[in-house]
């Protein structure tokens, strides 16, 4: 994996995670200024828009990871980080799918269930990302694998 790809991936995943967490905090944890209003905190839409705008960069980054890093490690028989890496790949597909479905569903129950599923998968992915070993190998120095 090239350096710019690793940077892209770390930046996109960190940003999409942060904006998702902030959106959740402002939607469920921070009360709006008017207790009688159904609208949440005024910053809630900002974090949602930022999350939705950053998400395609994270999807692209995971595509780079899959192509340059994950498949090469799996094919070579690399054992270090295999569990968390494969788990994150399996979690990411439904994570991305639920992220798009939230924007498509109009029925409140379906949207809510998809939103909670998306949040739970996002937390699992974030935990896996934190546990996944971050070590540099000669293959990670900027050459093609």
C-alpha atoms as a PDB file:
ATOM      1  CA  UNK A   1       0.000   0.000   0.000  1.00  0.00           C
ATOM      2  CA  UNK A   2       1.370   3.371  -0.914  1.00  0.00           C
ATOM      3  CA  UNK A   3       1.804   6.130   1.627  1.00  0.00           C
ATOM      4  CA  UNK A   4      -0.847   8.387   0.104  1.00  0.00           C
ATOM      5  CA  UNK A   5      -3.332   5.493   0.144  1.00  0.00           C
ATOM      6  CA  UNK A   6      -2.682   4.817   3.821  1.00  0.00           C
ATOM      7  CA  UNK A   7      -3.006   8.531   4.589  1.00  0.00           C
ATOM      8  CA  UNK A   8      -6.241   8.765   2.564  1.00  0.00           C
ATOM      9  CA  UNK A   9      -7.677   5.752   4.337  1.00  0.00           C
ATOM     10  CA  UNK A  10      -6.774   6.839   7.853  1.00  0.00           C
ATOM     11  CA  UNK A  11      -8.023  10.386   7.246  1.00  0.00           C
ATOM     12  CA  UNK A  12     -11.304   9.326   5.616  1.00  0.00           C
ATOM     13  CA  UNK A  13     -12.088   6.642   8.189  1.00  0.00           C
ATOM     14  CA  UNK A  14     -11.203   8.910  11.095  1.00  0.00           C
ATOM     15  CA  UNK A  15     -13.310  11.764   9.694  1.00  0.00           C
ATOM     16  CA  UNK A  16     -16.332   9.623   8.832  1.00  0.00           C
ATOM     17  CA  UNK A  17     -16.142   8.009  12.287  1.00  0.00           C
ATOM     18  CA  UNK A  18     -15.848  11.353  14.059  1.00  0.00           C
ATOM     19  CA  UNK A  19     -18.725  12.936  12.146  1.00  0.00           C
ATOM     20  CA  UNK A  20     -20.889   9.851  12.746  1.00  0.00           C
ATOM     21  CA  UNK A  21     -20.154   9.914  16.461  1.00  0.00           C
ATOM     22  CA  UNK A  22     -20.833  13.653  16.666  1.00  0.00           C
ATOM     23  CA  UNK A  23     -24.090  13.232  14.764  1.00  0.00           C
ATOM     24  CA  UNK A  24     -25.193  10.513  17.185  1.00  0.00           C
ATOM     25  CA  UNK A  25     -24.212  12.604  20.193  1.00  0.00           C
ATOM     26  CA  UNK A  26     -26.096  15.659  18.932  1.00  0.00           C
ATOM     27  CA  UNK A  27     -29.126  13.582  17.870  1.00  0.00           C
ATOM     28  CA  UNK A  28     -29.515  11.521  21.046  1.00  0.00           C
ATOM     29  CA  UNK A  29     -27.369  13.110  23.750  1.00  0.00           C
ATOM     30  CA  UNK A  30     -27.576  16.882  23.438  1.00  0.00           C
ATOM     31  CA  UNK A  31     -31.014  18.411  23.902  1.00  0.00           C
ATOM     32  CA  UNK A  32     -32.231  21.064  21.528  1.00  0.00           C
ATOM     33  CA  UNK A  33     -32.736  24.633  22.731  1.00  0.00           C
ATOM     34  CA  UNK A  34     -36.542  24.269  22.691  1.00  0.00           C
ATOM     35  CA  UNK A  35     -37.715  21.353  24.877  1.00  0.00           C
ATOM     36  CA  UNK A  36     -41.158  21.398  23.200  1.00  0.00           C
ATOM     37  CA  UNK A  37     -39.743  21.079  19.705  1.00  0.00           C
ATOM     38  CA  UNK A  38     -39.285  17.765  17.872  1.00  0.00           C
ATOM     39  CA  UNK A  39     -36.191  19.196  16.200  1.00  0.00           C
ATOM     40  CA  UNK A  40     -32.886  18.256  17.761  1.00  0.00           C
ATOM     41  CA  UNK A  41     -29.858  20.391  18.424  1.00  0.00           C
ATOM     42  CA  UNK A  42     -29.119  22.954  15.660  1.00  0.00           C
ATOM     43  CA  UNK A  43     -25.712  21.330  14.981  1.00  0.00           C
ATOM     44  CA  UNK A  44     -27.235  17.906  14.316  1.00  0.00           C
ATOM     45  CA  UNK A  45     -27.876  18.538  10.573  1.00  0.00           C
ATOM     46  CA  UNK A  46     -24.325  19.863  10.134  1.00  0.00           C
ATOM     47  CA  UNK A  47     -22.770  16.625  11.430  1.00  0.00           C
ATOM     48  CA  UNK A  48     -25.154  14.494   9.381  1.00  0.00           C
ATOM     49  CA  UNK A  49     -24.285  16.386   6.187  1.00  0.00           C
ATOM     50  CA  UNK A  50     -20.566  16.163   6.942  1.00  0.00           C
ATOM     51  CA  UNK A  51     -20.897  12.420   7.577  1.00  0.00           C
ATOM     52  CA  UNK A  52     -22.794  11.826   4.326  1.00  0.00           C
ATOM     53  CA  UNK A  53     -20.321  13.930   2.325  1.00  0.00           C
ATOM     54  CA  UNK A  54     -17.232  12.193   3.758  1.00  0.00           C
ATOM     55  CA  UNK A  55     -18.615   8.635   3.484  1.00  0.00           C
ATOM     56  CA  UNK A  56     -17.793   8.168  -0.248  1.00  0.00           C
ATOM     57  CA  UNK A  57     -14.146   9.014   0.504  1.00  0.00           C
ATOM     58  CA  UNK A  58     -14.128   6.284   3.168  1.00  0.00           C
ATOM     59  CA  UNK A  59     -15.737   3.790   0.766  1.00  0.00           C
ATOM     60  CA  UNK A  60     -13.064   4.629  -1.817  1.00  0.00           C
ATOM     61  CA  UNK A  61     -10.371   4.234   0.852  1.00  0.00           C
ATOM     62  CA  UNK A  62     -11.638   0.799   1.844  1.00  0.00           C
ATOM     63  CA  UNK A  63     -11.619  -0.139  -1.840  1.00  0.00           C
ATOM     64  CA  UNK A  64      -7.949   0.857  -1.971  1.00  0.00           C
ATOM     65  CA  UNK A  65      -7.329  -1.147   1.184  1.00  0.00           C
ATOM     66  CA  UNK A  66      -9.015  -4.189  -0.241  1.00  0.00           C
ATOM     67  CA  UNK A  67      -7.077  -4.038  -3.498  1.00  0.00           C
ATOM     68  CA  UNK A  68      -3.620  -3.112  -2.258  1.00  0.00           C
ATOM     69  CA  UNK A  69      -3.466  -4.358   1.299  1.00  0.00           C
ATOM     70  CA  UNK A  70      -6.083  -6.910   2.357  1.00  0.00           C
ATOM     71  CA  UNK A  71      -6.124  -9.210  -0.666  1.00  0.00           C
ATOM     72  CA  UNK A  72      -2.327  -9.218  -0.857  1.00  0.00           C
ATOM     73  CA  UNK A  73      -2.072 -10.173   2.828  1.00  0.00           C
ATOM     74  CA  UNK A  74      -4.725 -12.867   2.526  1.00  0.00           C
ATOM     75  CA  UNK A  75      -3.078 -14.377  -0.580  1.00  0.00           C
ATOM     76  CA  UNK A  76       0.362 -14.366   1.044  1.00  0.00           C
ATOM     77  CA  UNK A  77      -0.955 -16.209   4.097  1.00  0.00           C
ATOM     78  CA  UNK A  78      -0.159 -13.347   6.479  1.00  0.00           C
ATOM     79  CA  UNK A  79      -1.557 -14.185   9.912  1.00  0.00           C
ATOM     80  CA  UNK A  80      -0.859 -10.924  11.785  1.00  0.00           C
ATOM     81  CA  UNK A  81      -4.060  -8.888  11.854  1.00  0.00           C
ATOM     82  CA  UNK A  82      -6.043 -11.349   9.761  1.00  0.00           C
ATOM     83  CA  UNK A  83      -8.948 -11.700  12.196  1.00  0.00           C
ATOM     84  CA  UNK A  84      -9.574  -7.996  12.628  1.00  0.00           C
ATOM     85  CA  UNK A  85      -8.890  -7.250   8.959  1.00  0.00           C
ATOM     86  CA  UNK A  86     -11.283  -9.856   7.601  1.00  0.00           C
ATOM     87  CA  UNK A  87     -13.875  -8.942  10.237  1.00  0.00           C
ATOM     88  CA  UNK A  88     -13.694  -5.282   9.212  1.00  0.00           C
ATOM     89  CA  UNK A  89     -14.150  -6.194   5.545  1.00  0.00           C
ATOM     90  CA  UNK A  90     -17.243  -8.267   6.373  1.00  0.00           C
ATOM     91  CA  UNK A  91     -18.627  -5.502   8.589  1.00  0.00           C
ATOM     92  CA  UNK A  92     -17.941  -2.748   6.051  1.00  0.00           C
ATOM     93  CA  UNK A  93     -20.211  -4.093   3.310  1.00  0.00           C
ATOM     94  CA  UNK A  94     -23.427  -3.960   5.377  1.00  0.00           C
ATOM     95  CA  UNK A  95     -22.179  -0.751   7.035  1.00  0.00           C
ATOM     96  CA  UNK A  96     -21.979   0.992   3.658  1.00  0.00           C
ATOM     97  CA  UNK A  97     -25.250  -0.550   2.500  1.00  0.00           C
ATOM     98  CA  UNK A  98     -27.170   0.578   5.587  1.00  0.00           C
ATOM     99  CA  UNK A  99     -25.669   4.049   5.217  1.00  0.00           C
ATOM    100  CA  UNK A 100     -27.188   4.350   1.755  1.00  0.00           C
ATOM    101  CA  UNK A 101     -30.482   2.711   2.751  1.00  0.00           C
ATOM    102  CA  UNK A 102     -31.065   5.238   5.539  1.00  0.00           C
ATOM    103  CA  UNK A 103     -31.206   7.914   2.849  1.00  0.00           C
ATOM    104  CA  UNK A 104     -33.671   5.927   0.735  1.00  0.00           C
ATOM    105  CA  UNK A 105     -36.197   4.644   3.272  1.00  0.00           C
ATOM    106  CA  UNK A 106     -39.144   6.876   4.051  1.00  0.00           C
ATOM    107  CA  UNK A 107     -41.066   4.687   6.510  1.00  0.00           C
ATOM    108  CA  UNK A 108     -40.045   5.694  10.021  1.00  0.00           C
ATOM    109  CA  UNK A 109     -39.659   2.171  11.423  1.00  0.00           C
ATOM    110  CA  UNK A 110     -37.442   0.976   8.569  1.00  0.00           C
ATOM    111  CA  UNK A 111     -35.360   4.141   8.732  1.00  0.00           C
ATOM    112  CA  UNK A 112     -34.937   3.833  12.497  1.00  0.00           C
ATOM    113  CA  UNK A 113     -34.004   0.132  12.404  1.00  0.00           C
ATOM    114  CA  UNK A 114     -31.532   0.759   9.594  1.00  0.00           C
ATOM    115  CA  UNK A 115     -30.069   3.718  11.468  1.00  0.00           C
ATOM    116  CA  UNK A 116     -29.479   1.714  14.637  1.00  0.00           C
ATOM    117  CA  UNK A 117     -28.002  -1.157  12.592  1.00  0.00           C
ATOM    118  CA  UNK A 118     -25.716   1.319  10.832  1.00  0.00           C
ATOM    119  CA  UNK A 119     -24.599   2.843  14.131  1.00  0.00           C
ATOM    120  CA  UNK A 120     -23.916  -0.586  15.686  1.00  0.00           C
ATOM    121  CA  UNK A 121     -21.942  -1.739  12.635  1.00  0.00           C
ATOM    122  CA  UNK A 122     -20.035   1.549  12.645  1.00  0.00           C
ATOM    123  CA  UNK A 123     -19.048   1.038  16.274  1.00  0.00           C
ATOM    124  CA  UNK A 124     -17.943  -2.552  15.559  1.00  0.00           C
ATOM    125  CA  UNK A 125     -15.904  -1.355  12.586  1.00  0.00           C
ATOM    126  CA  UNK A 126     -14.313   1.383  14.672  1.00  0.00           C
ATOM    127  CA  UNK A 127     -13.384  -1.112  17.408  1.00  0.00           C
ATOM    128  CA  UNK A 128     -11.889  -3.458  14.807  1.00  0.00           C
ATOM    129  CA  UNK A 129      -9.958  -0.591  13.253  1.00  0.00           C
ATOM    130  CA  UNK A 130      -8.560   0.344  16.642  1.00  0.00           C
ATOM    131  CA  UNK A 131      -7.533  -3.233  17.379  1.00  0.00           C
ATOM    132  CA  UNK A 132      -6.065  -3.915  13.936  1.00  0.00           C
ATOM    133  CA  UNK A 133      -2.231  -3.881  13.985  1.00  0.00           C
ATOM    134  CA  UNK A 134      -0.697  -0.783  12.396  1.00  0.00           C
ATOM    135  CA  UNK A 135       2.800  -1.853  11.478  1.00  0.00           C
ATOM    136  CA  UNK A 136       4.880  -0.831   8.537  1.00  0.00           C
ATOM    137  CA  UNK A 137       6.349  -3.545   6.375  1.00  0.00           C
ATOM    138  CA  UNK A 138       8.711  -3.210   3.405  1.00  0.00           C
ATOM    139  CA  UNK A 139       5.638  -3.612   1.224  1.00  0.00           C
ATOM    140  CA  UNK A 140       4.088  -0.532   2.899  1.00  0.00           C
ATOM    141  CA  UNK A 141       6.853   1.877   1.932  1.00  0.00           C
ATOM    142  CA  UNK A 142       5.386   3.122  -1.293  1.00  0.00           C
ATOM    143  CA  UNK A 143       6.046   0.309  -3.714  1.00  0.00           C
ATOM    144  CA  UNK A 144       3.412  -1.685  -5.497  1.00  0.00           C
ATOM    145  CA  UNK A 145       2.460  -5.023  -4.012  1.00  0.00           C
END
